[in-house]
């Protein structure tokens, strides 16, 4: 969710989220690797991943027990 205070201030930006997941989709670790430039937006990224305690499982064909990924999360007003 776009934070209301950030929307009211017309803040935009993209944060880079690093995630490590296990095979079942459980979040093992995460970190905001690059800031969006706004603390309100960065905190929204952290809240999002903390509430998403389970993501979809890895495909059965994926060879490793864990996966790490970098995900850009963009906040843009329309």
PDB file of N, CA and C in Angstrom:
ATOM      1  N   UNK A   1       0.836  -1.194   0.000  1.00  0.00           N
ATOM      2  CA  UNK A   1       0.000   0.000   0.000  1.00  0.00           C
ATOM      3  C   UNK A   1       0.870   1.243   0.000  1.00  0.00           C
ATOM      4  N   UNK A   2       0.395   2.209  -0.750  1.00  0.00           N
ATOM      5  CA  UNK A   2       1.083   3.501  -0.791  1.00  0.00           C
ATOM      6  C   UNK A   2       0.763   4.205   0.525  1.00  0.00           C
ATOM      7  N   UNK A   3       1.770   4.558   1.298  1.00  0.00           N
ATOM      8  CA  UNK A   3       1.493   5.241   2.570  1.00  0.00           C
ATOM      9  C   UNK A   3       0.740   6.556   2.334  1.00  0.00           C
ATOM     10  N   UNK A   4      -0.308   6.756   3.103  1.00  0.00           N
ATOM     11  CA  UNK A   4      -1.129   7.965   2.931  1.00  0.00           C
ATOM     12  C   UNK A   4      -0.296   9.235   3.088  1.00  0.00           C
ATOM     13  N   UNK A   5       0.584   9.265   4.101  1.00  0.00           N
ATOM     14  CA  UNK A   5       1.411  10.457   4.310  1.00  0.00           C
ATOM     15  C   UNK A   5       2.324  10.705   3.110  1.00  0.00           C
ATOM     16  N   UNK A   6       2.853   9.635   2.512  1.00  0.00           N
ATOM     17  CA  UNK A   6       3.709   9.785   1.330  1.00  0.00           C
ATOM     18  C   UNK A   6       2.889  10.277   0.137  1.00  0.00           C
ATOM     19  N   UNK A   7       1.671   9.768   0.013  1.00  0.00           N
ATOM     20  CA  UNK A   7       0.794  10.214  -1.073  1.00  0.00           C
ATOM     21  C   UNK A   7       0.460  11.700  -0.904  1.00  0.00           C
ATOM     22  N   UNK A   8       0.149  12.090   0.326  1.00  0.00           N
ATOM     23  CA  UNK A   8      -0.183  13.493   0.585  1.00  0.00           C
ATOM     24  C   UNK A   8       0.982  14.423   0.281  1.00  0.00           C
ATOM     25  N   UNK A   9       2.209  13.925   0.508  1.00  0.00           N
ATOM     26  CA  UNK A   9       3.410  14.723   0.224  1.00  0.00           C
ATOM     27  C   UNK A   9       3.890  14.543  -1.216  1.00  0.00           C
ATOM     28  N   UNK A  10       3.173  13.706  -1.979  1.00  0.00           N
ATOM     29  CA  UNK A  10       3.494  13.441  -3.387  1.00  0.00           C
ATOM     30  C   UNK A  10       4.889  12.838  -3.551  1.00  0.00           C
ATOM     31  N   UNK A  11       5.261  11.938  -2.613  1.00  0.00           N
ATOM     32  CA  UNK A  11       6.565  11.292  -2.660  1.00  0.00           C
ATOM     33  C   UNK A  11       6.530  10.115  -3.621  1.00  0.00           C
ATOM     34  N   UNK A  12       7.570   9.982  -4.413  1.00  0.00           N
ATOM     35  CA  UNK A  12       7.733   8.856  -5.322  1.00  0.00           C
ATOM     36  C   UNK A  12       9.159   8.341  -5.212  1.00  0.00           C
ATOM     37  N   UNK A  13       9.371   7.103  -5.596  1.00  0.00           N
ATOM     38  CA  UNK A  13      10.713   6.536  -5.597  1.00  0.00           C
ATOM     39  C   UNK A  13      10.659   5.030  -5.752  1.00  0.00           C
ATOM     40  N   UNK A  14      11.838   4.442  -5.943  1.00  0.00           N
ATOM     41  CA  UNK A  14      11.965   2.999  -6.094  1.00  0.00           C
ATOM     42  C   UNK A  14      12.995   2.487  -5.102  1.00  0.00           C
ATOM     43  N   UNK A  15      12.597   1.530  -4.288  1.00  0.00           N
ATOM     44  CA  UNK A  15      13.494   0.877  -3.336  1.00  0.00           C
ATOM     45  C   UNK A  15      13.881  -0.480  -3.915  1.00  0.00           C
ATOM     46  N   UNK A  16      15.079  -0.948  -3.587  1.00  0.00           N
ATOM     47  CA  UNK A  16      15.534  -2.253  -4.026  1.00  0.00           C
ATOM     48  C   UNK A  16      15.548  -3.188  -2.830  1.00  0.00           C
ATOM     49  N   UNK A  17      14.685  -4.200  -2.873  1.00  0.00           N
ATOM     50  CA  UNK A  17      14.517  -5.155  -1.778  1.00  0.00           C
ATOM     51  C   UNK A  17      15.266  -6.438  -2.094  1.00  0.00           C
ATOM     52  N   UNK A  18      16.106  -6.891  -1.158  1.00  0.00           N
ATOM     53  CA  UNK A  18      16.774  -8.185  -1.259  1.00  0.00           C
ATOM     54  C   UNK A  18      16.007  -9.169  -0.388  1.00  0.00           C
ATOM     55  N   UNK A  19      15.733 -10.352  -0.951  1.00  0.00           N
ATOM     56  CA  UNK A  19      14.993 -11.399  -0.241  1.00  0.00           C
ATOM     57  C   UNK A  19      15.729 -12.727  -0.342  1.00  0.00           C
ATOM     58  N   UNK A  20      15.629 -13.527   0.710  1.00  0.00           N
ATOM     59  CA  UNK A  20      16.051 -14.928   0.657  1.00  0.00           C
ATOM     60  C   UNK A  20      14.855 -15.763   1.098  1.00  0.00           C
ATOM     61  N   UNK A  21      14.455 -16.704   0.240  1.00  0.00           N
ATOM     62  CA  UNK A  21      13.296 -17.551   0.487  1.00  0.00           C
ATOM     63  C   UNK A  21      13.716 -19.005   0.538  1.00  0.00           C
ATOM     64  N   UNK A  22      12.998 -19.812   1.319  1.00  0.00           N
ATOM     65  CA  UNK A  22      13.222 -21.250   1.258  1.00  0.00           C
ATOM     66  C   UNK A  22      12.294 -21.847   0.197  1.00  0.00           C
ATOM     67  N   UNK A  23      12.432 -23.141  -0.011  1.00  0.00           N
ATOM     68  CA  UNK A  23      11.688 -23.814  -1.074  1.00  0.00           C
ATOM     69  C   UNK A  23      10.171 -23.640  -0.949  1.00  0.00           C
ATOM     70  N   UNK A  24       9.673 -23.547   0.278  1.00  0.00           N
ATOM     71  CA  UNK A  24       8.226 -23.427   0.492  1.00  0.00           C
ATOM     72  C   UNK A  24       7.705 -22.002   0.289  1.00  0.00           C
ATOM     73  N   UNK A  25       8.612 -21.028   0.100  1.00  0.00           N
ATOM     74  CA  UNK A  25       8.210 -19.639  -0.082  1.00  0.00           C
ATOM     75  C   UNK A  25       8.281 -18.819   1.195  1.00  0.00           C
ATOM     76  N   UNK A  26       8.804 -19.423   2.268  1.00  0.00           N
ATOM     77  CA  UNK A  26       8.938 -18.694   3.533  1.00  0.00           C
ATOM     78  C   UNK A  26      10.102 -17.705   3.434  1.00  0.00           C
ATOM     79  N   UNK A  27       9.883 -16.479   3.897  1.00  0.00           N
ATOM     80  CA  UNK A  27      10.919 -15.442   3.887  1.00  0.00           C
ATOM     81  C   UNK A  27      11.904 -15.742   5.013  1.00  0.00           C
ATOM     82  N   UNK A  28      13.172 -15.966   4.649  1.00  0.00           N
ATOM     83  CA  UNK A  28      14.217 -16.258   5.626  1.00  0.00           C
ATOM     84  C   UNK A  28      14.967 -14.997   6.044  1.00  0.00           C
ATOM     85  N   UNK A  29      15.132 -14.068   5.115  1.00  0.00           N
ATOM     86  CA  UNK A  29      15.852 -12.821   5.396  1.00  0.00           C
ATOM     87  C   UNK A  29      15.468 -11.795   4.337  1.00  0.00           C
ATOM     88  N   UNK A  30      15.624 -10.535   4.696  1.00  0.00           N
ATOM     89  CA  UNK A  30      15.338  -9.453   3.756  1.00  0.00           C
ATOM     90  C   UNK A  30      16.086  -8.204   4.196  1.00  0.00           C
ATOM     91  N   UNK A  31      16.256  -7.283   3.255  1.00  0.00           N
ATOM     92  CA  UNK A  31      16.912  -6.013   3.546  1.00  0.00           C
ATOM     93  C   UNK A  31      16.597  -5.043   2.418  1.00  0.00           C
ATOM     94  N   UNK A  32      16.445  -3.783   2.748  1.00  0.00           N
ATOM     95  CA  UNK A  32      16.324  -2.751   1.729  1.00  0.00           C
ATOM     96  C   UNK A  32      17.752  -2.379   1.330  1.00  0.00           C
ATOM     97  N   UNK A  33      18.157  -2.819   0.130  1.00  0.00           N
ATOM     98  CA  UNK A  33      19.531  -2.615  -0.335  1.00  0.00           C
ATOM     99  C   UNK A  33      19.759  -1.211  -0.880  1.00  0.00           C
ATOM    100  N   UNK A  34      18.729  -0.642  -1.482  1.00  0.00           N
ATOM    101  CA  UNK A  34      18.804   0.735  -1.981  1.00  0.00           C
ATOM    102  C   UNK A  34      17.530   1.453  -1.574  1.00  0.00           C
ATOM    103  N   UNK A  35      17.701   2.609  -0.996  1.00  0.00           N
ATOM    104  CA  UNK A  35      16.573   3.408  -0.532  1.00  0.00           C
ATOM    105  C   UNK A  35      15.815   4.014  -1.701  1.00  0.00           C
ATOM    106  N   UNK A  36      14.552   4.245  -1.475  1.00  0.00           N
ATOM    107  CA  UNK A  36      13.730   4.977  -2.438  1.00  0.00           C
ATOM    108  C   UNK A  36      14.049   6.463  -2.390  1.00  0.00           C
ATOM    109  N   UNK A  37      14.769   6.856  -1.352  1.00  0.00           N
ATOM    110  CA  UNK A  37      15.052   8.272  -1.135  1.00  0.00           C
ATOM    111  C   UNK A  37      14.109   8.898  -0.118  1.00  0.00           C
ATOM    112  N   UNK A  38      13.152   8.107   0.363  1.00  0.00           N
ATOM    113  CA  UNK A  38      12.167   8.606   1.314  1.00  0.00           C
ATOM    114  C   UNK A  38      11.925   7.552   2.393  1.00  0.00           C
ATOM    115  N   UNK A  39      12.125   7.920   3.631  1.00  0.00           N
ATOM    116  CA  UNK A  39      11.958   6.993   4.745  1.00  0.00           C
ATOM    117  C   UNK A  39      10.546   6.398   4.798  1.00  0.00           C
ATOM    118  N   UNK A  40       9.533   7.195   4.508  1.00  0.00           N
ATOM    119  CA  UNK A  40       8.153   6.694   4.520  1.00  0.00           C
ATOM    120  C   UNK A  40       7.962   5.544   3.538  1.00  0.00           C
ATOM    121  N   UNK A  41       8.542   5.651   2.368  1.00  0.00           N
ATOM    122  CA  UNK A  41       8.404   4.605   1.358  1.00  0.00           C
ATOM    123  C   UNK A  41       9.230   3.378   1.727  1.00  0.00           C
ATOM    124  N   UNK A  42      10.437   3.597   2.242  1.00  0.00           N
ATOM    125  CA  UNK A  42      11.276   2.468   2.655  1.00  0.00           C
ATOM    126  C   UNK A  42      10.613   1.674   3.780  1.00  0.00           C
ATOM    127  N   UNK A  43       9.996   2.361   4.706  1.00  0.00           N
ATOM    128  CA  UNK A  43       9.299   1.663   5.796  1.00  0.00           C
ATOM    129  C   UNK A  43       8.105   0.873   5.262  1.00  0.00           C
ATOM    130  N   UNK A  44       7.454   1.383   4.231  1.00  0.00           N
ATOM    131  CA  UNK A  44       6.331   0.656   3.624  1.00  0.00           C
ATOM    132  C   UNK A  44       6.814  -0.645   2.985  1.00  0.00           C
ATOM    133  N   UNK A  45       7.998  -0.630   2.390  1.00  0.00           N
ATOM    134  CA  UNK A  45       8.567  -1.850   1.817  1.00  0.00           C
ATOM    135  C   UNK A  45       8.789  -2.879   2.921  1.00  0.00           C
ATOM    136  N   UNK A  46       9.372  -2.456   4.035  1.00  0.00           N
ATOM    137  CA  UNK A  46       9.635  -3.365   5.156  1.00  0.00           C
ATOM    138  C   UNK A  46       8.323  -3.913   5.707  1.00  0.00           C
ATOM    139  N   UNK A  47       7.327  -3.062   5.884  1.00  0.00           N
ATOM    140  CA  UNK A  47       6.025  -3.527   6.390  1.00  0.00           C
ATOM    141  C   UNK A  47       5.416  -4.558   5.443  1.00  0.00           C
ATOM    142  N   UNK A  48       5.545  -4.324   4.152  1.00  0.00           N
ATOM    143  CA  UNK A  48       4.982  -5.248   3.166  1.00  0.00           C
ATOM    144  C   UNK A  48       5.588  -6.634   3.302  1.00  0.00           C
ATOM    145  N   UNK A  49       6.904  -6.713   3.381  1.00  0.00           N
ATOM    146  CA  UNK A  49       7.545  -8.026   3.452  1.00  0.00           C
ATOM    147  C   UNK A  49       7.322  -8.669   4.818  1.00  0.00           C
ATOM    148  N   UNK A  50       7.208  -7.886   5.868  1.00  0.00           N
ATOM    149  CA  UNK A  50       6.930  -8.455   7.187  1.00  0.00           C
ATOM    150  C   UNK A  50       5.523  -9.057   7.247  1.00  0.00           C
ATOM    151  N   UNK A  51       4.595  -8.498   6.492  1.00  0.00           N
ATOM    152  CA  UNK A  51       3.227  -9.030   6.470  1.00  0.00           C
ATOM    153  C   UNK A  51       3.089 -10.191   5.490  1.00  0.00           C
ATOM    154  N   UNK A  52       4.027 -10.320   4.569  1.00  0.00           N
ATOM    155  CA  UNK A  52       3.997 -11.408   3.579  1.00  0.00           C
ATOM    156  C   UNK A  52       4.879 -12.535   4.079  1.00  0.00           C
ATOM    157  N   UNK A  53       4.500 -13.155   5.182  1.00  0.00           N
ATOM    158  CA  UNK A  53       5.341 -14.182   5.789  1.00  0.00           C
ATOM    159  C   UNK A  53       5.410 -15.454   4.955  1.00  0.00           C
ATOM    160  N   UNK A  54       4.550 -15.583   3.950  1.00  0.00           N
ATOM    161  CA  UNK A  54       4.595 -16.748   3.069  1.00  0.00           C
ATOM    162  C   UNK A  54       4.345 -16.292   1.638  1.00  0.00           C
ATOM    163  N   UNK A  55       5.290 -16.581   0.759  1.00  0.00           N
ATOM    164  CA  UNK A  55       5.157 -16.285  -0.662  1.00  0.00           C
ATOM    165  C   UNK A  55       4.955 -17.611  -1.395  1.00  0.00           C
ATOM    166  N   UNK A  56       4.645 -17.578  -2.685  1.00  0.00           N
ATOM    167  CA  UNK A  56       4.449 -18.840  -3.405  1.00  0.00           C
ATOM    168  C   UNK A  56       5.703 -19.716  -3.345  1.00  0.00           C
ATOM    169  N   UNK A  57       5.519 -21.024  -3.324  1.00  0.00           N
ATOM    170  CA  UNK A  57       6.682 -21.924  -3.275  1.00  0.00           C
ATOM    171  C   UNK A  57       7.483 -21.872  -4.567  1.00  0.00           C
ATOM    172  N   UNK A  58       8.742 -22.289  -4.464  1.00  0.00           N
ATOM    173  CA  UNK A  58       9.588 -22.386  -5.646  1.00  0.00           C
ATOM    174  C   UNK A  58       9.092 -23.526  -6.527  1.00  0.00           C
ATOM    175  N   UNK A  59       9.289 -23.418  -7.835  1.00  0.00           N
ATOM    176  CA  UNK A  59       8.891 -24.521  -8.713  1.00  0.00           C
ATOM    177  C   UNK A  59       9.640 -25.804  -8.341  1.00  0.00           C
ATOM    178  N   UNK A  60       9.009 -26.919  -8.516  1.00  0.00           N
ATOM    179  CA  UNK A  60       9.632 -28.205  -8.201  1.00  0.00           C
ATOM    180  C   UNK A  60      10.923 -28.409  -8.977  1.00  0.00           C
ATOM    181  N   UNK A  61      11.019 -27.802 -10.152  1.00  0.00           N
ATOM    182  CA  UNK A  61      12.210 -27.954 -10.989  1.00  0.00           C
ATOM    183  C   UNK A  61      13.379 -27.083 -10.525  1.00  0.00           C
ATOM    184  N   UNK A  62      13.129 -26.159  -9.571  1.00  0.00           N
ATOM    185  CA  UNK A  62      14.217 -25.291  -9.097  1.00  0.00           C
ATOM    186  C   UNK A  62      15.210 -26.147  -8.314  1.00  0.00           C
ATOM    187  N   UNK A  63      16.513 -26.081  -8.639  1.00  0.00           N
ATOM    188  CA  UNK A  63      17.476 -27.037  -8.083  1.00  0.00           C
ATOM    189  C   UNK A  63      17.930 -26.771  -6.645  1.00  0.00           C
ATOM    190  N   UNK A  64      17.772 -25.571  -6.134  1.00  0.00           N
ATOM    191  CA  UNK A  64      18.311 -25.227  -4.812  1.00  0.00           C
ATOM    192  C   UNK A  64      17.223 -25.194  -3.743  1.00  0.00           C
ATOM    193  N   UNK A  65      17.651 -25.317  -2.486  1.00  0.00           N
ATOM    194  CA  UNK A  65      16.717 -25.281  -1.354  1.00  0.00           C
ATOM    195  C   UNK A  65      16.290 -23.863  -1.013  1.00  0.00           C
ATOM    196  N   UNK A  66      17.087 -22.874  -1.434  1.00  0.00           N
ATOM    197  CA  UNK A  66      16.787 -21.464  -1.160  1.00  0.00           C
ATOM    198  C   UNK A  66      17.063 -20.645  -2.418  1.00  0.00           C
ATOM    199  N   UNK A  67      16.474 -19.468  -2.450  1.00  0.00           N
ATOM    200  CA  UNK A  67      16.718 -18.546  -3.557  1.00  0.00           C
ATOM    201  C   UNK A  67      16.880 -17.144  -2.977  1.00  0.00           C
ATOM    202  N   UNK A  68      17.773 -16.370  -3.573  1.00  0.00           N
ATOM    203  CA  UNK A  68      17.938 -14.956  -3.234  1.00  0.00           C
ATOM    204  C   UNK A  68      17.532 -14.149  -4.452  1.00  0.00           C
ATOM    205  N   UNK A  69      16.897 -13.023  -4.209  1.00  0.00           N
ATOM    206  CA  UNK A  69      16.484 -12.170  -5.322  1.00  0.00           C
ATOM    207  C   UNK A  69      16.499 -10.703  -4.917  1.00  0.00           C
ATOM    208  N   UNK A  70      16.660  -9.859  -5.910  1.00  0.00           N
ATOM    209  CA  UNK A  70      16.542  -8.413  -5.749  1.00  0.00           C
ATOM    210  C   UNK A  70      15.282  -7.978  -6.480  1.00  0.00           C
ATOM    211  N   UNK A  71      14.432  -7.246  -5.776  1.00  0.00           N
ATOM    212  CA  UNK A  71      13.149  -6.834  -6.337  1.00  0.00           C
ATOM    213  C   UNK A  71      13.018  -5.322  -6.239  1.00  0.00           C
ATOM    214  N   UNK A  72      12.912  -4.626  -7.367  1.00  0.00           N
ATOM    215  CA  UNK A  72      12.643  -3.188  -7.301  1.00  0.00           C
ATOM    216  C   UNK A  72      11.163  -2.974  -6.960  1.00  0.00           C
ATOM    217  N   UNK A  73      10.918  -2.127  -5.988  1.00  0.00           N
ATOM    218  CA  UNK A  73       9.545  -1.795  -5.598  1.00  0.00           C
ATOM    219  C   UNK A  73       9.352  -0.302  -5.846  1.00  0.00           C
ATOM    220  N   UNK A  74       8.540  -0.008  -6.839  1.00  0.00           N
ATOM    221  CA  UNK A  74       8.343   1.371  -7.280  1.00  0.00           C
ATOM    222  C   UNK A  74       7.077   1.958  -6.688  1.00  0.00           C
ATOM    223  N   UNK A  75       7.192   3.141  -6.198  1.00  0.00           N
ATOM    224  CA  UNK A  75       6.052   3.935  -5.715  1.00  0.00           C
ATOM    225  C   UNK A  75       5.902   5.098  -6.689  1.00  0.00           C
ATOM    226  N   UNK A  76       4.812   5.079  -7.457  1.00  0.00           N
ATOM    227  CA  UNK A  76       4.569   6.139  -8.432  1.00  0.00           C
ATOM    228  C   UNK A  76       3.123   6.588  -8.335  1.00  0.00           C
ATOM    229  N   UNK A  77       2.938   7.873  -8.253  1.00  0.00           N
ATOM    230  CA  UNK A  77       1.595   8.435  -8.221  1.00  0.00           C
ATOM    231  C   UNK A  77       1.078   8.574  -9.650  1.00  0.00           C
ATOM    232  N   UNK A  78      -0.191   8.384  -9.806  1.00  0.00           N
ATOM    233  CA  UNK A  78      -0.785   8.519 -11.149  1.00  0.00           C
ATOM    234  C   UNK A  78      -1.436   9.853 -11.300  1.00  0.00           C
TER     235      UNK A  78
END
